[in-house]
Amino acid sequence: MQQFDTRVDDYIAKSAPFAQPILKHIREVVHQASPIIAETIKWGFPHFVHKGTICSMASFKAHCTFGFWKATLMKDPYQLFNEKENAMGTMGRIESLQDLPADKILTEYILEALNLDESETKIKKVVTPKAPIEMPSDFEAALFDNPKAKQQFESFSPSHKREYLEWITTAKAEATRLKRMTTAIEWLTEGKSLNWKYQK
């Protein structure tokens, strides 16, 4: 991947007049920070990359954005990141060059992001476990009356069981709920998971 990508030139040229000096300046500071940073277009807007994505910029009708891929792992000593503001990117809405921090500060952030990329530090995904779904008594009784369906249900993985329970318990109308329960017993008797139609 090359340091400069002509598609980024095209992106800047097609941006609104107010955005062009902002995008050009960000691009310049990024490349001045380190010559090993390359650029590319991902999802339709410019990204600055090395081993992985370091940061990205984008322009819209009335503002630009600039953000770091691993912002959640960065120190942010100058409190530049604005998570509450309704704008893509970690630095909120950028409407003029004055909205950008001093080049020295911006360079400090870019180098920290580059170091994170170099060390290949991963962003830890926080997985919130789903609350268990209680077995409805009438579905339990229906399974008891249908040993084959009961045996199939019990042989399923927790996620497959959950799919059926969620499908039944989220029905808004009682008639829908009963219909789903009948269908569930029928499919379980045939050894089918809830989403059997979509499985190859």
N, C-alpha and C. Protein backbone atom coordinates (compact mmCIF):
# COMPACT_ATOMS: atom_id res chain seq x y z
N MET A 1 0.84 -1.20 0.00
CA MET A 1 0.00 0.00 0.00
C MET A 1 0.88 1.26 0.00
N GLN A 2 0.57 2.19 -0.88
CA GLN A 2 1.41 3.38 -1.02
C GLN A 2 1.04 4.45 -0.01
N GLN A 3 2.02 5.34 0.22
CA GLN A 3 1.79 6.41 1.19
C GLN A 3 0.64 7.32 0.75
N PHE A 4 0.61 7.63 -0.54
CA PHE A 4 -0.46 8.49 -1.06
C PHE A 4 -1.32 7.72 -2.06
N ASP A 5 -2.61 7.97 -1.98
CA ASP A 5 -3.58 7.29 -2.84
C ASP A 5 -4.33 8.37 -3.63
N THR A 6 -4.33 8.26 -4.94
CA THR A 6 -4.99 9.28 -5.77
C THR A 6 -6.49 9.36 -5.52
N ARG A 7 -7.05 8.29 -4.99
CA ARG A 7 -8.49 8.32 -4.67
C ARG A 7 -8.79 9.29 -3.53
N VAL A 8 -7.79 9.51 -2.67
CA VAL A 8 -7.97 10.50 -1.59
C VAL A 8 -7.95 11.90 -2.18
N ASP A 9 -7.09 12.11 -3.19
CA ASP A 9 -7.10 13.41 -3.90
C ASP A 9 -8.47 13.66 -4.50
N ASP A 10 -9.03 12.63 -5.12
CA ASP A 10 -10.36 12.76 -5.75
C ASP A 10 -11.43 13.05 -4.70
N TYR A 11 -11.32 12.37 -3.55
CA TYR A 11 -12.30 12.56 -2.47
C TYR A 11 -12.27 14.02 -1.99
N ILE A 12 -11.08 14.55 -1.79
CA ILE A 12 -10.93 15.93 -1.31
C ILE A 12 -11.46 16.90 -2.36
N ALA A 13 -11.13 16.65 -3.63
CA ALA A 13 -11.57 17.54 -4.72
C ALA A 13 -13.09 17.59 -4.85
N LYS A 14 -13.75 16.47 -4.53
CA LYS A 14 -15.21 16.41 -4.65
C LYS A 14 -15.93 16.92 -3.39
N SER A 15 -15.18 17.18 -2.33
CA SER A 15 -15.77 17.66 -1.08
C SER A 15 -16.16 19.13 -1.20
N ALA A 16 -17.00 19.57 -0.29
CA ALA A 16 -17.45 20.97 -0.29
C ALA A 16 -16.25 21.91 -0.12
N PRO A 17 -16.32 23.13 -0.67
CA PRO A 17 -15.19 24.07 -0.58
C PRO A 17 -14.68 24.30 0.84
N PHE A 18 -15.59 24.38 1.83
CA PHE A 18 -15.16 24.61 3.22
C PHE A 18 -14.34 23.43 3.75
N ALA A 19 -14.66 22.21 3.24
CA ALA A 19 -14.04 20.99 3.77
C ALA A 19 -12.64 20.74 3.22
N GLN A 20 -12.39 21.22 2.01
CA GLN A 20 -11.12 20.90 1.35
C GLN A 20 -9.87 21.30 2.15
N PRO A 21 -9.79 22.54 2.66
CA PRO A 21 -8.58 22.88 3.44
C PRO A 21 -8.45 22.06 4.72
N ILE A 22 -9.57 21.66 5.31
CA ILE A 22 -9.55 20.86 6.54
C ILE A 22 -8.97 19.47 6.23
N LEU A 23 -9.50 18.84 5.19
CA LEU A 23 -9.05 17.50 4.81
C LEU A 23 -7.59 17.51 4.37
N LYS A 24 -7.21 18.53 3.61
CA LYS A 24 -5.81 18.64 3.15
C LYS A 24 -4.87 18.78 4.34
N HIS A 25 -5.30 19.57 5.33
CA HIS A 25 -4.45 19.81 6.50
C HIS A 25 -4.30 18.54 7.34
N ILE A 26 -5.40 17.85 7.57
CA ILE A 26 -5.35 16.60 8.34
C ILE A 26 -4.42 15.61 7.65
N ARG A 27 -4.59 15.48 6.35
CA ARG A 27 -3.76 14.56 5.55
C ARG A 27 -2.28 14.91 5.69
N GLU A 28 -1.99 16.18 5.60
CA GLU A 28 -0.60 16.66 5.69
C GLU A 28 0.01 16.34 7.06
N VAL A 29 -0.75 16.60 8.13
CA VAL A 29 -0.26 16.36 9.49
C VAL A 29 -0.04 14.86 9.72
N VAL A 30 -0.95 14.04 9.23
CA VAL A 30 -0.81 12.58 9.38
C VAL A 30 0.48 12.10 8.73
N HIS A 31 0.73 12.53 7.51
CA HIS A 31 1.94 12.07 6.81
C HIS A 31 3.22 12.68 7.37
N GLN A 32 3.12 13.88 7.92
CA GLN A 32 4.30 14.49 8.56
C GLN A 32 4.63 13.76 9.86
N ALA A 33 3.59 13.22 10.51
CA ALA A 33 3.80 12.49 11.77
C ALA A 33 4.65 11.26 11.55
N SER A 34 4.41 10.55 10.44
CA SER A 34 5.21 9.35 10.15
C SER A 34 5.10 8.96 8.67
N PRO A 35 6.24 8.72 8.03
CA PRO A 35 6.22 8.32 6.61
C PRO A 35 5.74 6.88 6.39
N ILE A 36 5.62 6.10 7.47
CA ILE A 36 5.18 4.70 7.29
C ILE A 36 3.65 4.59 7.20
N ILE A 37 2.96 5.69 7.46
CA ILE A 37 1.50 5.67 7.39
C ILE A 37 1.08 5.80 5.92
N ALA A 38 0.27 4.87 5.47
CA ALA A 38 -0.25 4.89 4.10
C ALA A 38 -1.72 5.32 4.14
N GLU A 39 -2.30 5.50 2.98
CA GLU A 39 -3.70 5.89 2.95
C GLU A 39 -4.47 5.04 1.94
N THR A 40 -5.75 4.93 2.18
CA THR A 40 -6.61 4.16 1.30
C THR A 40 -8.04 4.68 1.44
N ILE A 41 -8.93 4.14 0.66
CA ILE A 41 -10.35 4.47 0.78
C ILE A 41 -11.07 3.21 1.27
N LYS A 42 -11.76 3.34 2.38
CA LYS A 42 -12.59 2.25 2.90
C LYS A 42 -13.96 2.82 3.18
N TRP A 43 -14.98 2.07 2.84
CA TRP A 43 -16.37 2.51 3.08
C TRP A 43 -16.64 3.90 2.50
N GLY A 44 -15.91 4.23 1.44
CA GLY A 44 -16.18 5.48 0.73
C GLY A 44 -15.48 6.72 1.24
N PHE A 45 -14.64 6.60 2.28
CA PHE A 45 -13.92 7.79 2.77
C PHE A 45 -12.49 7.44 3.16
N PRO A 46 -11.60 8.44 3.25
CA PRO A 46 -10.17 8.18 3.48
C PRO A 46 -9.83 7.60 4.85
N HIS A 47 -8.97 6.59 4.81
CA HIS A 47 -8.43 5.98 6.02
C HIS A 47 -6.91 6.00 5.96
N PHE A 48 -6.29 6.19 7.10
CA PHE A 48 -4.83 6.16 7.20
C PHE A 48 -4.45 4.87 7.91
N VAL A 49 -3.57 4.10 7.28
CA VAL A 49 -3.32 2.74 7.75
C VAL A 49 -1.83 2.41 7.83
N HIS A 50 -1.52 1.38 8.60
CA HIS A 50 -0.18 0.79 8.62
C HIS A 50 -0.40 -0.72 8.69
N LYS A 51 -0.29 -1.32 9.86
CA LYS A 51 -0.63 -2.75 9.99
C LYS A 51 -2.15 -2.91 9.99
N GLY A 52 -2.80 -1.93 10.54
CA GLY A 52 -4.26 -1.88 10.56
C GLY A 52 -4.68 -0.43 10.36
N THR A 53 -5.95 -0.13 10.65
CA THR A 53 -6.42 1.25 10.51
C THR A 53 -5.97 2.08 11.71
N ILE A 54 -5.43 3.27 11.43
CA ILE A 54 -4.97 4.16 12.48
C ILE A 54 -6.01 5.25 12.74
N CYS A 55 -6.41 5.93 11.67
CA CYS A 55 -7.41 6.99 11.79
C CYS A 55 -8.10 7.19 10.45
N SER A 56 -9.13 8.02 10.45
CA SER A 56 -9.87 8.27 9.22
C SER A 56 -10.47 9.66 9.26
N MET A 57 -10.81 10.16 8.08
CA MET A 57 -11.45 11.48 7.99
C MET A 57 -12.57 11.39 6.97
N ALA A 58 -13.54 12.28 7.10
CA ALA A 58 -14.67 12.29 6.17
C ALA A 58 -15.25 13.70 6.12
N SER A 59 -15.93 13.99 5.02
CA SER A 59 -16.59 15.30 4.91
C SER A 59 -18.07 15.10 4.63
N PHE A 60 -18.86 16.03 5.15
CA PHE A 60 -20.31 16.01 4.96
C PHE A 60 -20.74 17.38 4.46
N LYS A 61 -22.03 17.62 4.41
CA LYS A 61 -22.52 18.89 3.85
C LYS A 61 -22.04 20.11 4.62
N ALA A 62 -22.03 20.01 5.95
CA ALA A 62 -21.69 21.19 6.75
C ALA A 62 -20.56 20.98 7.75
N HIS A 63 -19.96 19.79 7.76
CA HIS A 63 -18.87 19.55 8.70
C HIS A 63 -17.98 18.40 8.23
N CYS A 64 -16.82 18.29 8.84
CA CYS A 64 -15.90 17.17 8.60
C CYS A 64 -15.74 16.41 9.91
N THR A 65 -15.20 15.20 9.80
CA THR A 65 -14.89 14.43 11.01
C THR A 65 -13.49 13.83 10.89
N PHE A 66 -12.90 13.58 12.04
CA PHE A 66 -11.60 12.91 12.09
C PHE A 66 -11.62 12.05 13.34
N GLY A 67 -11.22 10.78 13.19
CA GLY A 67 -11.28 9.90 14.36
C GLY A 67 -10.23 8.83 14.32
N PHE A 68 -9.95 8.28 15.49
CA PHE A 68 -8.94 7.23 15.64
C PHE A 68 -9.63 5.88 15.83
N TRP A 69 -9.12 4.88 15.13
CA TRP A 69 -9.71 3.55 15.14
C TRP A 69 -9.73 2.95 16.55
N LYS A 70 -8.64 3.18 17.30
CA LYS A 70 -8.54 2.61 18.65
C LYS A 70 -8.64 3.71 19.72
N ALA A 71 -9.53 4.65 19.49
CA ALA A 71 -9.68 5.79 20.41
C ALA A 71 -9.96 5.35 21.85
N THR A 72 -10.68 4.24 22.01
CA THR A 72 -11.03 3.77 23.36
C THR A 72 -9.79 3.34 24.15
N LEU A 73 -8.68 3.06 23.45
CA LEU A 73 -7.45 2.64 24.13
C LEU A 73 -6.48 3.80 24.32
N MET A 74 -6.82 4.96 23.77
CA MET A 74 -5.91 6.11 23.83
C MET A 74 -6.10 6.93 25.11
N LYS A 75 -5.05 7.66 25.49
CA LYS A 75 -5.07 8.41 26.76
C LYS A 75 -5.91 9.68 26.70
N ASP A 76 -5.94 10.35 25.55
CA ASP A 76 -6.69 11.60 25.37
C ASP A 76 -6.35 12.65 26.44
N PRO A 77 -5.06 13.04 26.58
CA PRO A 77 -4.66 13.99 27.63
C PRO A 77 -5.24 15.39 27.46
N TYR A 78 -5.61 15.75 26.23
CA TYR A 78 -6.15 17.10 25.99
C TYR A 78 -7.67 17.11 25.88
N GLN A 79 -8.28 15.99 26.20
CA GLN A 79 -9.75 15.86 26.18
C GLN A 79 -10.33 16.28 24.83
N LEU A 80 -9.78 15.72 23.77
CA LEU A 80 -10.24 16.06 22.42
C LEU A 80 -11.42 15.20 21.97
N PHE A 81 -11.53 14.02 22.56
CA PHE A 81 -12.57 13.10 22.11
C PHE A 81 -13.92 13.50 22.66
N ASN A 82 -14.89 13.53 21.78
CA ASN A 82 -16.23 13.95 22.18
C ASN A 82 -17.22 12.86 21.80
N GLU A 83 -17.48 11.95 22.73
CA GLU A 83 -18.37 10.83 22.46
C GLU A 83 -19.84 11.24 22.45
N LYS A 84 -20.16 12.31 23.17
CA LYS A 84 -21.56 12.72 23.29
C LYS A 84 -22.06 13.45 22.05
N GLU A 85 -21.16 14.13 21.35
CA GLU A 85 -21.59 14.91 20.20
C GLU A 85 -22.04 14.00 19.08
N ASN A 86 -23.11 14.42 18.40
CA ASN A 86 -23.69 13.59 17.34
C ASN A 86 -22.92 13.76 16.03
N ALA A 87 -21.76 13.19 15.96
CA ALA A 87 -20.96 13.24 14.73
C ALA A 87 -20.07 12.01 14.66
N MET A 88 -19.89 11.52 13.45
CA MET A 88 -19.02 10.36 13.27
C MET A 88 -17.59 10.81 13.56
N GLY A 89 -16.77 9.93 14.09
CA GLY A 89 -15.40 10.32 14.42
C GLY A 89 -15.29 10.65 15.89
N THR A 90 -14.06 10.72 16.39
CA THR A 90 -13.87 10.92 17.83
C THR A 90 -13.65 12.37 18.23
N MET A 91 -13.55 13.27 17.24
CA MET A 91 -13.29 14.68 17.57
C MET A 91 -14.48 15.57 17.27
N GLY A 92 -15.64 14.97 17.15
CA GLY A 92 -16.84 15.78 16.95
C GLY A 92 -16.89 16.47 15.60
N ARG A 93 -17.70 17.51 15.50
CA ARG A 93 -17.88 18.25 14.24
C ARG A 93 -16.70 19.21 14.01
N ILE A 94 -16.14 19.15 12.84
CA ILE A 94 -15.05 20.05 12.46
C ILE A 94 -15.57 20.89 11.30
N GLU A 95 -15.81 22.17 11.56
CA GLU A 95 -16.39 23.04 10.53
C GLU A 95 -15.38 24.01 9.93
N SER A 96 -14.21 24.15 10.60
CA SER A 96 -13.15 25.01 10.07
C SER A 96 -11.81 24.55 10.63
N LEU A 97 -10.73 25.07 10.10
CA LEU A 97 -9.40 24.70 10.58
C LEU A 97 -9.22 25.03 12.05
N GLN A 98 -9.95 26.05 12.52
CA GLN A 98 -9.85 26.47 13.92
C GLN A 98 -10.39 25.42 14.89
N ASP A 99 -11.21 24.51 14.37
CA ASP A 99 -11.77 23.45 15.21
C ASP A 99 -10.78 22.31 15.45
N LEU A 100 -9.68 22.32 14.71
CA LEU A 100 -8.66 21.30 14.89
C LEU A 100 -7.68 21.71 15.99
N PRO A 101 -7.14 20.75 16.72
CA PRO A 101 -6.12 21.09 17.72
C PRO A 101 -4.83 21.52 17.03
N ALA A 102 -3.90 22.06 17.78
CA ALA A 102 -2.60 22.47 17.23
C ALA A 102 -1.92 21.25 16.61
N ASP A 103 -1.15 21.49 15.56
CA ASP A 103 -0.48 20.39 14.85
C ASP A 103 0.34 19.50 15.78
N LYS A 104 1.01 20.14 16.75
CA LYS A 104 1.86 19.40 17.69
C LYS A 104 1.02 18.40 18.49
N ILE A 105 -0.15 18.84 18.94
CA ILE A 105 -1.04 17.97 19.73
C ILE A 105 -1.61 16.86 18.84
N LEU A 106 -2.04 17.24 17.65
CA LEU A 106 -2.61 16.26 16.73
C LEU A 106 -1.56 15.19 16.38
N THR A 107 -0.34 15.62 16.19
CA THR A 107 0.76 14.69 15.89
C THR A 107 0.99 13.73 17.04
N GLU A 108 0.89 14.25 18.26
CA GLU A 108 1.06 13.42 19.46
C GLU A 108 0.03 12.29 19.48
N TYR A 109 -1.21 12.62 19.13
CA TYR A 109 -2.29 11.64 19.10
C TYR A 109 -2.06 10.63 17.97
N ILE A 110 -1.65 11.13 16.81
CA ILE A 110 -1.41 10.24 15.66
C ILE A 110 -0.31 9.24 15.99
N LEU A 111 0.74 9.70 16.63
CA LEU A 111 1.86 8.80 16.98
C LEU A 111 1.45 7.78 18.04
N GLU A 112 0.60 8.19 18.97
CA GLU A 112 0.11 7.23 19.96
C GLU A 112 -0.73 6.15 19.27
N ALA A 113 -1.58 6.59 18.33
CA ALA A 113 -2.43 5.64 17.59
C ALA A 113 -1.56 4.71 16.74
N LEU A 114 -0.49 5.24 16.18
CA LEU A 114 0.44 4.44 15.38
C LEU A 114 1.14 3.40 16.26
N ASN A 115 1.54 3.80 17.46
CA ASN A 115 2.18 2.87 18.40
C ASN A 115 1.25 1.72 18.78
N LEU A 116 -0.03 2.05 18.97
CA LEU A 116 -1.02 1.01 19.28
C LEU A 116 -1.16 0.05 18.10
N ASP A 117 -1.13 0.62 16.90
CA ASP A 117 -1.23 -0.20 15.70
C ASP A 117 0.01 -1.09 15.54
N GLU A 118 1.18 -0.53 15.80
CA GLU A 118 2.44 -1.26 15.70
C GLU A 118 2.48 -2.42 16.68
N SER A 119 2.00 -2.17 17.88
CA SER A 119 2.01 -3.22 18.91
C SER A 119 0.88 -4.23 18.71
N GLU A 120 0.02 -3.91 17.73
CA GLU A 120 -1.13 -4.77 17.39
C GLU A 120 -2.03 -5.02 18.60
N THR A 121 -2.16 -3.98 19.42
CA THR A 121 -3.05 -4.05 20.58
C THR A 121 -4.49 -4.16 20.08
N LYS A 122 -5.20 -5.13 20.59
CA LYS A 122 -6.57 -5.37 20.17
C LYS A 122 -7.56 -4.63 21.06
N ILE A 123 -8.65 -4.20 20.45
CA ILE A 123 -9.74 -3.60 21.22
C ILE A 123 -10.54 -4.75 21.83
N LYS A 124 -10.69 -4.73 23.13
CA LYS A 124 -11.43 -5.81 23.79
C LYS A 124 -12.93 -5.56 23.61
N LYS A 125 -13.59 -6.56 23.07
CA LYS A 125 -15.04 -6.45 22.90
C LYS A 125 -15.72 -6.87 24.19
N VAL A 126 -16.59 -6.00 24.67
CA VAL A 126 -17.34 -6.31 25.89
C VAL A 126 -18.63 -7.01 25.47
N VAL A 127 -18.71 -8.27 25.82
CA VAL A 127 -19.90 -9.05 25.48
C VAL A 127 -20.79 -9.15 26.71
N THR A 128 -21.96 -8.55 26.60
CA THR A 128 -22.92 -8.60 27.70
C THR A 128 -23.77 -9.84 27.55
N PRO A 129 -23.70 -10.77 28.50
CA PRO A 129 -24.50 -11.99 28.37
C PRO A 129 -25.99 -11.69 28.40
N LYS A 130 -26.72 -12.39 27.57
CA LYS A 130 -28.17 -12.18 27.52
C LYS A 130 -28.83 -12.81 28.74
N ALA A 131 -29.86 -12.15 29.21
CA ALA A 131 -30.59 -12.67 30.37
C ALA A 131 -31.28 -13.97 29.97
N PRO A 132 -31.27 -14.96 30.83
CA PRO A 132 -31.92 -16.22 30.48
C PRO A 132 -33.43 -16.04 30.29
N ILE A 133 -33.99 -16.86 29.42
CA ILE A 133 -35.44 -16.81 29.18
C ILE A 133 -36.06 -18.01 29.88
N GLU A 134 -37.03 -17.73 30.72
CA GLU A 134 -37.69 -18.81 31.46
C GLU A 134 -38.56 -19.64 30.53
N MET A 135 -38.55 -20.90 30.76
CA MET A 135 -39.38 -21.82 29.97
C MET A 135 -40.85 -21.58 30.31
N PRO A 136 -41.69 -21.17 29.34
CA PRO A 136 -43.12 -20.97 29.63
C PRO A 136 -43.75 -22.31 30.02
N SER A 137 -44.58 -22.28 31.03
CA SER A 137 -45.18 -23.53 31.56
C SER A 137 -46.00 -24.27 30.50
N ASP A 138 -46.72 -23.53 29.64
CA ASP A 138 -47.55 -24.20 28.64
C ASP A 138 -46.69 -24.84 27.54
N PHE A 139 -45.54 -24.22 27.23
CA PHE A 139 -44.65 -24.81 26.24
C PHE A 139 -43.97 -26.05 26.83
N GLU A 140 -43.66 -25.96 28.11
CA GLU A 140 -43.07 -27.10 28.81
C GLU A 140 -44.04 -28.28 28.81
N ALA A 141 -45.32 -27.98 29.02
CA ALA A 141 -46.36 -29.02 29.03
C ALA A 141 -46.52 -29.63 27.64
N ALA A 142 -46.45 -28.75 26.60
CA ALA A 142 -46.58 -29.22 25.22
C ALA A 142 -45.41 -30.15 24.86
N LEU A 143 -44.23 -29.81 25.33
CA LEU A 143 -43.06 -30.67 25.09
C LEU A 143 -43.22 -32.00 25.81
N PHE A 144 -43.76 -31.95 27.02
CA PHE A 144 -43.96 -33.16 27.81
C PHE A 144 -44.92 -34.12 27.10
N ASP A 145 -45.91 -33.52 26.41
CA ASP A 145 -46.90 -34.33 25.67
C ASP A 145 -46.35 -34.85 24.35
N ASN A 146 -45.20 -34.34 23.94
CA ASN A 146 -44.59 -34.74 22.66
C ASN A 146 -43.14 -35.15 22.90
N PRO A 147 -42.93 -36.40 23.35
CA PRO A 147 -41.59 -36.87 23.74
C PRO A 147 -40.50 -36.65 22.68
N LYS A 148 -40.87 -36.82 21.40
CA LYS A 148 -39.89 -36.66 20.33
C LYS A 148 -39.43 -35.20 20.24
N ALA A 149 -40.39 -34.28 20.32
CA ALA A 149 -40.09 -32.85 20.29
C ALA A 149 -39.27 -32.46 21.52
N LYS A 150 -39.64 -33.03 22.66
CA LYS A 150 -38.93 -32.75 23.92
C LYS A 150 -37.47 -33.21 23.83
N GLN A 151 -37.28 -34.41 23.31
CA GLN A 151 -35.93 -34.96 23.18
C GLN A 151 -35.07 -34.11 22.24
N GLN A 152 -35.70 -33.65 21.14
CA GLN A 152 -34.98 -32.81 20.17
C GLN A 152 -34.61 -31.47 20.79
N PHE A 153 -35.56 -30.86 21.51
CA PHE A 153 -35.32 -29.56 22.14
C PHE A 153 -34.17 -29.66 23.14
N GLU A 154 -34.19 -30.72 23.94
CA GLU A 154 -33.16 -30.90 24.98
C GLU A 154 -31.78 -31.19 24.38
N SER A 155 -31.75 -31.70 23.15
CA SER A 155 -30.46 -32.01 22.51
C SER A 155 -29.83 -30.77 21.85
N PHE A 156 -30.64 -29.72 21.72
CA PHE A 156 -30.14 -28.50 21.08
C PHE A 156 -29.14 -27.76 21.95
N SER A 157 -28.31 -26.94 21.32
CA SER A 157 -27.37 -26.07 22.04
C SER A 157 -28.18 -24.97 22.73
N PRO A 158 -27.61 -24.32 23.74
CA PRO A 158 -28.33 -23.23 24.43
C PRO A 158 -28.84 -22.15 23.47
N SER A 159 -28.05 -21.84 22.43
CA SER A 159 -28.47 -20.78 21.50
C SER A 159 -29.69 -21.20 20.68
N HIS A 160 -29.75 -22.48 20.28
CA HIS A 160 -30.90 -22.98 19.52
C HIS A 160 -32.16 -23.03 20.40
N LYS A 161 -31.95 -23.41 21.66
CA LYS A 161 -33.09 -23.42 22.60
C LYS A 161 -33.62 -22.00 22.77
N ARG A 162 -32.66 -21.07 22.95
CA ARG A 162 -33.02 -19.67 23.16
C ARG A 162 -33.83 -19.11 21.99
N GLU A 163 -33.45 -19.49 20.78
CA GLU A 163 -34.16 -19.01 19.59
C GLU A 163 -35.65 -19.35 19.67
N TYR A 164 -35.93 -20.60 20.03
CA TYR A 164 -37.33 -21.03 20.15
C TYR A 164 -38.04 -20.29 21.28
N LEU A 165 -37.40 -20.23 22.44
CA LEU A 165 -38.03 -19.57 23.60
C LEU A 165 -38.28 -18.09 23.33
N GLU A 166 -37.32 -17.44 22.68
CA GLU A 166 -37.46 -16.01 22.37
C GLU A 166 -38.61 -15.80 21.38
N TRP A 167 -38.68 -16.68 20.39
CA TRP A 167 -39.71 -16.60 19.36
C TRP A 167 -41.11 -16.72 19.97
N ILE A 168 -41.23 -17.65 20.90
CA ILE A 168 -42.54 -17.89 21.54
C ILE A 168 -42.89 -16.75 22.51
N THR A 169 -41.94 -16.37 23.36
CA THR A 169 -42.25 -15.39 24.41
C THR A 169 -42.36 -13.94 23.91
N THR A 170 -41.89 -13.68 22.69
CA THR A 170 -41.97 -12.29 22.18
C THR A 170 -43.22 -12.05 21.34
N ALA A 171 -44.03 -13.06 21.18
CA ALA A 171 -45.28 -12.88 20.43
C ALA A 171 -46.17 -11.87 21.16
N LYS A 172 -46.69 -10.89 20.42
CA LYS A 172 -47.49 -9.84 21.07
C LYS A 172 -48.92 -10.29 21.36
N ALA A 173 -49.49 -11.05 20.46
CA ALA A 173 -50.87 -11.53 20.66
C ALA A 173 -50.86 -12.98 21.11
N GLU A 174 -51.83 -13.32 21.94
CA GLU A 174 -51.91 -14.69 22.47
C GLU A 174 -52.12 -15.70 21.34
N ALA A 175 -52.92 -15.31 20.33
CA ALA A 175 -53.17 -16.21 19.20
C ALA A 175 -51.87 -16.50 18.45
N THR A 176 -51.05 -15.47 18.30
CA THR A 176 -49.75 -15.63 17.62
C THR A 176 -48.85 -16.55 18.43
N ARG A 177 -48.89 -16.35 19.74
CA ARG A 177 -48.06 -17.14 20.64
C ARG A 177 -48.43 -18.63 20.55
N LEU A 178 -49.72 -18.92 20.56
CA LEU A 178 -50.19 -20.31 20.47
C LEU A 178 -49.83 -20.94 19.13
N LYS A 179 -49.94 -20.12 18.07
CA LYS A 179 -49.60 -20.61 16.73
C LYS A 179 -48.11 -20.94 16.64
N ARG A 180 -47.29 -20.06 17.23
CA ARG A 180 -45.84 -20.28 17.23
C ARG A 180 -45.48 -21.54 18.02
N MET A 181 -46.19 -21.73 19.11
CA MET A 181 -45.91 -22.89 19.96
C MET A 181 -46.26 -24.19 19.22
N THR A 182 -47.37 -24.19 18.51
CA THR A 182 -47.78 -25.35 17.72
C THR A 182 -46.76 -25.64 16.63
N THR A 183 -46.31 -24.57 15.96
CA THR A 183 -45.31 -24.72 14.89
C THR A 183 -44.00 -25.24 15.46
N ALA A 184 -43.64 -24.72 16.64
CA ALA A 184 -42.39 -25.14 17.29
C ALA A 184 -42.41 -26.64 17.59
N ILE A 185 -43.52 -27.13 18.11
CA ILE A 185 -43.65 -28.56 18.42
C ILE A 185 -43.54 -29.39 17.13
N GLU A 186 -44.18 -28.89 16.08
CA GLU A 186 -44.15 -29.58 14.78
C GLU A 186 -42.72 -29.67 14.24
N TRP A 187 -42.02 -28.53 14.25
CA TRP A 187 -40.65 -28.50 13.73
C TRP A 187 -39.68 -29.32 14.59
N LEU A 188 -39.87 -29.24 15.90
CA LEU A 188 -39.00 -30.01 16.80
C LEU A 188 -39.19 -31.51 16.59
N THR A 189 -40.44 -31.91 16.35
CA THR A 189 -40.74 -33.32 16.09
C THR A 189 -40.02 -33.78 14.82
N GLU A 190 -39.85 -32.84 13.88
CA GLU A 190 -39.15 -33.15 12.62
C GLU A 190 -37.64 -32.96 12.75
N GLY A 191 -37.19 -32.60 13.96
CA GLY A 191 -35.75 -32.43 14.20
C GLY A 191 -35.19 -31.11 13.68
N LYS A 192 -36.06 -30.11 13.54
CA LYS A 192 -35.63 -28.84 12.94
C LYS A 192 -35.36 -27.76 13.99
N SER A 193 -34.34 -26.95 13.71
CA SER A 193 -34.11 -25.77 14.55
C SER A 193 -35.05 -24.68 14.06
N LEU A 194 -35.15 -23.58 14.79
CA LEU A 194 -36.09 -22.51 14.41
C LEU A 194 -35.79 -21.96 13.01
N ASN A 195 -34.51 -21.76 12.73
CA ASN A 195 -34.13 -21.15 11.45
C ASN A 195 -33.71 -22.19 10.41
N TRP A 196 -34.34 -23.33 10.43
CA TRP A 196 -33.97 -24.42 9.51
C TRP A 196 -34.09 -24.03 8.04
N LYS A 197 -35.00 -23.11 7.74
CA LYS A 197 -35.22 -22.72 6.33
C LYS A 197 -33.99 -22.02 5.74
N TYR A 198 -33.22 -21.35 6.64
CA TYR A 198 -32.08 -20.57 6.17
C TYR A 198 -30.75 -21.32 6.27
N GLN A 199 -30.82 -22.54 6.78
CA GLN A 199 -29.59 -23.32 6.92
C GLN A 199 -29.39 -24.21 5.71
N LYS A 200 -28.13 -24.25 5.24
CA LYS A 200 -27.82 -25.07 4.07
C LYS A 200 -27.57 -26.51 4.49
